[in-house]
Amino acid sequence: MPARLLFFCLVLLIGYTGDATAQYTLTPEDIYVGTPVTITLAEPADTLTVTYRPNSSIATQEFLLTNGQQTVEWIPQQAGVAAISTPSGGAQNVSVRFQSSPVSGIFVLFLAGFILFGGVIFAFIKLFKNSPEKLDPEIRPDT
């Protein structure tokens, strides 16, 4: 019993991360490509850095001048994960969404489904095409 209680307490301590508070407040909270977003900083800063696709080989940065103010307007240019940071503070990841579903994504989805289910149908046809006839046990009672 004490070992289970100790294990349970250990799991709780490992899983506890504390209260997560946002360093930057975004208005509106749902961010879309081409829609202006107002970012409120925790403390005034000179620049705000927006990194599209952080920690990847194709990451791009956009620098926004805040002129020492706590609010800045940002218009996202690319969909995906973007990291907002200031030189004095940490970074906060936000998700930038498309206004509508991209046509190329829907096309790729249907193409993948066609290849997947088409391959399954083709495999079943090849598998059962020349299947042997079922034998009637009454015809061959000796086996």
Protein backbone atom coordinates (compact mmCIF):
# COMPACT_ATOMS: atom_id res chain seq x y z
CA MET A 1 0.00 0.00 0.00
CA PRO A 2 2.71 2.59 0.84
CA ALA A 3 4.55 1.76 -2.40
CA ARG A 4 1.41 2.49 -4.45
CA LEU A 5 0.87 5.76 -2.61
CA LEU A 6 4.48 6.76 -3.17
CA PHE A 7 4.22 5.86 -6.87
CA PHE A 8 0.98 7.87 -7.20
CA CYS A 9 2.57 10.93 -5.55
CA LEU A 10 5.61 10.61 -7.82
CA VAL A 11 3.39 10.53 -10.92
CA LEU A 12 1.53 13.62 -9.70
CA LEU A 13 4.78 15.52 -9.10
CA ILE A 14 6.16 14.63 -12.52
CA GLY A 15 2.90 15.53 -14.27
CA TYR A 16 2.42 18.87 -12.49
CA THR A 17 3.65 21.76 -14.60
CA GLY A 18 2.21 24.66 -12.65
CA ASP A 19 0.03 27.43 -13.96
CA ALA A 20 0.84 28.37 -17.52
CA THR A 21 0.32 32.05 -18.22
CA ALA A 22 0.57 33.70 -21.59
CA GLN A 23 3.21 36.36 -22.02
CA TYR A 24 1.37 37.94 -24.91
CA THR A 25 -2.36 38.54 -25.28
CA LEU A 26 -3.80 38.24 -28.78
CA THR A 27 -7.07 39.79 -29.90
CA PRO A 28 -8.87 37.96 -31.47
CA GLU A 29 -7.70 34.60 -30.12
CA ASP A 30 -8.41 32.74 -33.39
CA ILE A 31 -5.72 33.83 -35.85
CA TYR A 32 -6.24 33.59 -39.61
CA VAL A 33 -3.95 34.43 -42.54
CA GLY A 34 -4.51 38.01 -43.71
CA THR A 35 -6.63 39.03 -40.70
CA PRO A 36 -5.18 41.76 -38.44
CA VAL A 37 -4.33 40.69 -34.88
CA THR A 38 -3.58 43.01 -31.96
CA ILE A 39 -0.78 41.71 -29.74
CA THR A 40 -0.49 43.11 -26.21
CA LEU A 41 2.94 42.65 -24.62
CA ALA A 42 3.58 42.11 -20.91
CA GLU A 43 6.07 45.01 -20.91
CA PRO A 44 7.03 47.60 -23.54
CA ALA A 45 9.60 46.52 -26.13
CA ASP A 46 11.25 47.99 -29.21
CA THR A 47 10.70 45.05 -31.56
CA LEU A 48 8.53 41.99 -31.74
CA THR A 49 9.85 39.00 -33.66
CA VAL A 50 7.46 36.60 -35.37
CA THR A 51 9.06 33.35 -36.52
CA TYR A 52 7.00 31.25 -38.90
CA ARG A 53 7.63 27.49 -38.55
CA PRO A 54 10.11 27.76 -35.63
CA ASN A 55 12.80 25.09 -35.19
CA SER A 56 12.58 23.98 -38.82
CA SER A 57 14.93 24.36 -41.76
CA ILE A 58 12.49 26.68 -43.57
CA ALA A 59 11.82 29.08 -40.69
CA THR A 60 11.28 32.71 -41.67
CA GLN A 61 11.26 35.74 -39.41
CA GLU A 62 9.26 38.94 -39.47
CA PHE A 63 10.22 41.91 -37.32
CA LEU A 64 7.54 44.30 -36.08
CA LEU A 65 8.55 47.69 -34.68
CA THR A 66 6.60 48.54 -31.55
CA ASN A 67 8.33 51.88 -30.78
CA GLY A 68 8.26 51.15 -27.06
CA GLN A 69 4.51 50.52 -26.95
CA GLN A 70 2.77 47.53 -25.38
CA THR A 71 0.41 46.88 -28.30
CA VAL A 72 1.22 46.17 -31.92
CA GLU A 73 -0.90 45.11 -34.89
CA TRP A 74 0.23 42.07 -36.87
CA ILE A 75 -1.16 40.62 -40.09
CA PRO A 76 -0.08 36.95 -40.43
CA GLN A 77 1.28 36.06 -43.86
CA GLN A 78 1.65 32.25 -43.57
CA ALA A 79 -0.43 29.49 -42.01
CA GLY A 80 1.11 27.14 -39.46
CA VAL A 81 2.88 27.53 -36.14
CA ALA A 82 4.37 30.94 -35.42
CA ALA A 83 6.52 31.92 -32.43
CA ILE A 84 6.06 35.43 -31.03
CA SER A 85 9.00 36.76 -29.02
CA THR A 86 10.67 39.94 -27.80
CA PRO A 87 14.38 40.39 -27.09
CA SER A 88 13.77 40.64 -23.33
CA GLY A 89 11.11 37.95 -22.94
CA GLY A 90 10.43 34.38 -23.89
CA ALA A 91 8.58 33.05 -26.88
CA GLN A 92 4.97 31.99 -27.21
CA ASN A 93 3.77 29.69 -29.99
CA VAL A 94 0.50 30.48 -31.74
CA SER A 95 -1.39 28.69 -34.48
CA VAL A 96 -2.20 30.59 -37.66
CA ARG A 97 -5.01 29.04 -39.69
CA PHE A 98 -6.19 29.32 -43.28
CA GLN A 99 -9.39 31.30 -43.94
CA SER A 100 -10.84 28.24 -45.71
CA SER A 101 -9.71 24.73 -46.54
CA PRO A 102 -6.98 24.75 -49.21
CA VAL A 103 -7.99 23.07 -52.47
CA SER A 104 -4.61 21.34 -52.83
CA GLY A 105 -5.00 19.74 -49.38
CA ILE A 106 -8.44 18.35 -50.24
CA PHE A 107 -7.10 17.03 -53.57
CA VAL A 108 -4.22 15.23 -51.83
CA LEU A 109 -6.66 13.76 -49.29
CA PHE A 110 -8.89 12.31 -52.02
CA LEU A 111 -5.91 11.06 -54.02
CA ALA A 112 -4.51 9.23 -50.98
CA GLY A 113 -7.92 7.68 -50.26
CA PHE A 114 -8.26 6.54 -53.88
CA ILE A 115 -4.81 4.94 -53.81
CA LEU A 116 -5.46 3.26 -50.44
CA PHE A 117 -8.91 1.85 -51.13
CA GLY A 118 -8.15 1.17 -54.79
CA GLY A 119 -5.15 -0.91 -53.75
CA VAL A 120 -7.25 -2.87 -51.27
CA ILE A 121 -9.90 -3.63 -53.90
CA PHE A 122 -7.23 -4.63 -56.43
CA ALA A 123 -5.56 -6.93 -53.89
CA PHE A 124 -8.86 -8.65 -53.00
CA ILE A 125 -9.68 -9.20 -56.67
CA LYS A 126 -6.25 -10.73 -57.31
CA LEU A 127 -6.48 -12.86 -54.16
CA PHE A 128 -9.90 -14.38 -54.80
CA LYS A 129 -9.82 -14.49 -58.61
CA ASN A 130 -8.71 -18.13 -58.99
CA SER A 131 -9.88 -19.57 -55.70
CA PRO A 132 -10.50 -23.35 -55.72
CA GLU A 133 -14.05 -24.61 -55.69
CA LYS A 134 -15.41 -25.73 -52.37
CA LEU A 135 -15.57 -29.52 -52.00
CA ASP A 136 -18.70 -31.23 -50.84
CA PRO A 137 -17.78 -33.73 -48.08
CA GLU A 138 -20.56 -36.11 -49.14
CA ILE A 139 -18.94 -36.66 -52.52
CA ARG A 140 -15.61 -37.80 -51.00
CA PRO A 141 -16.47 -39.53 -47.69
CA ASP A 142 -13.08 -41.29 -47.47
CA THR A 143 -11.08 -38.15 -46.72
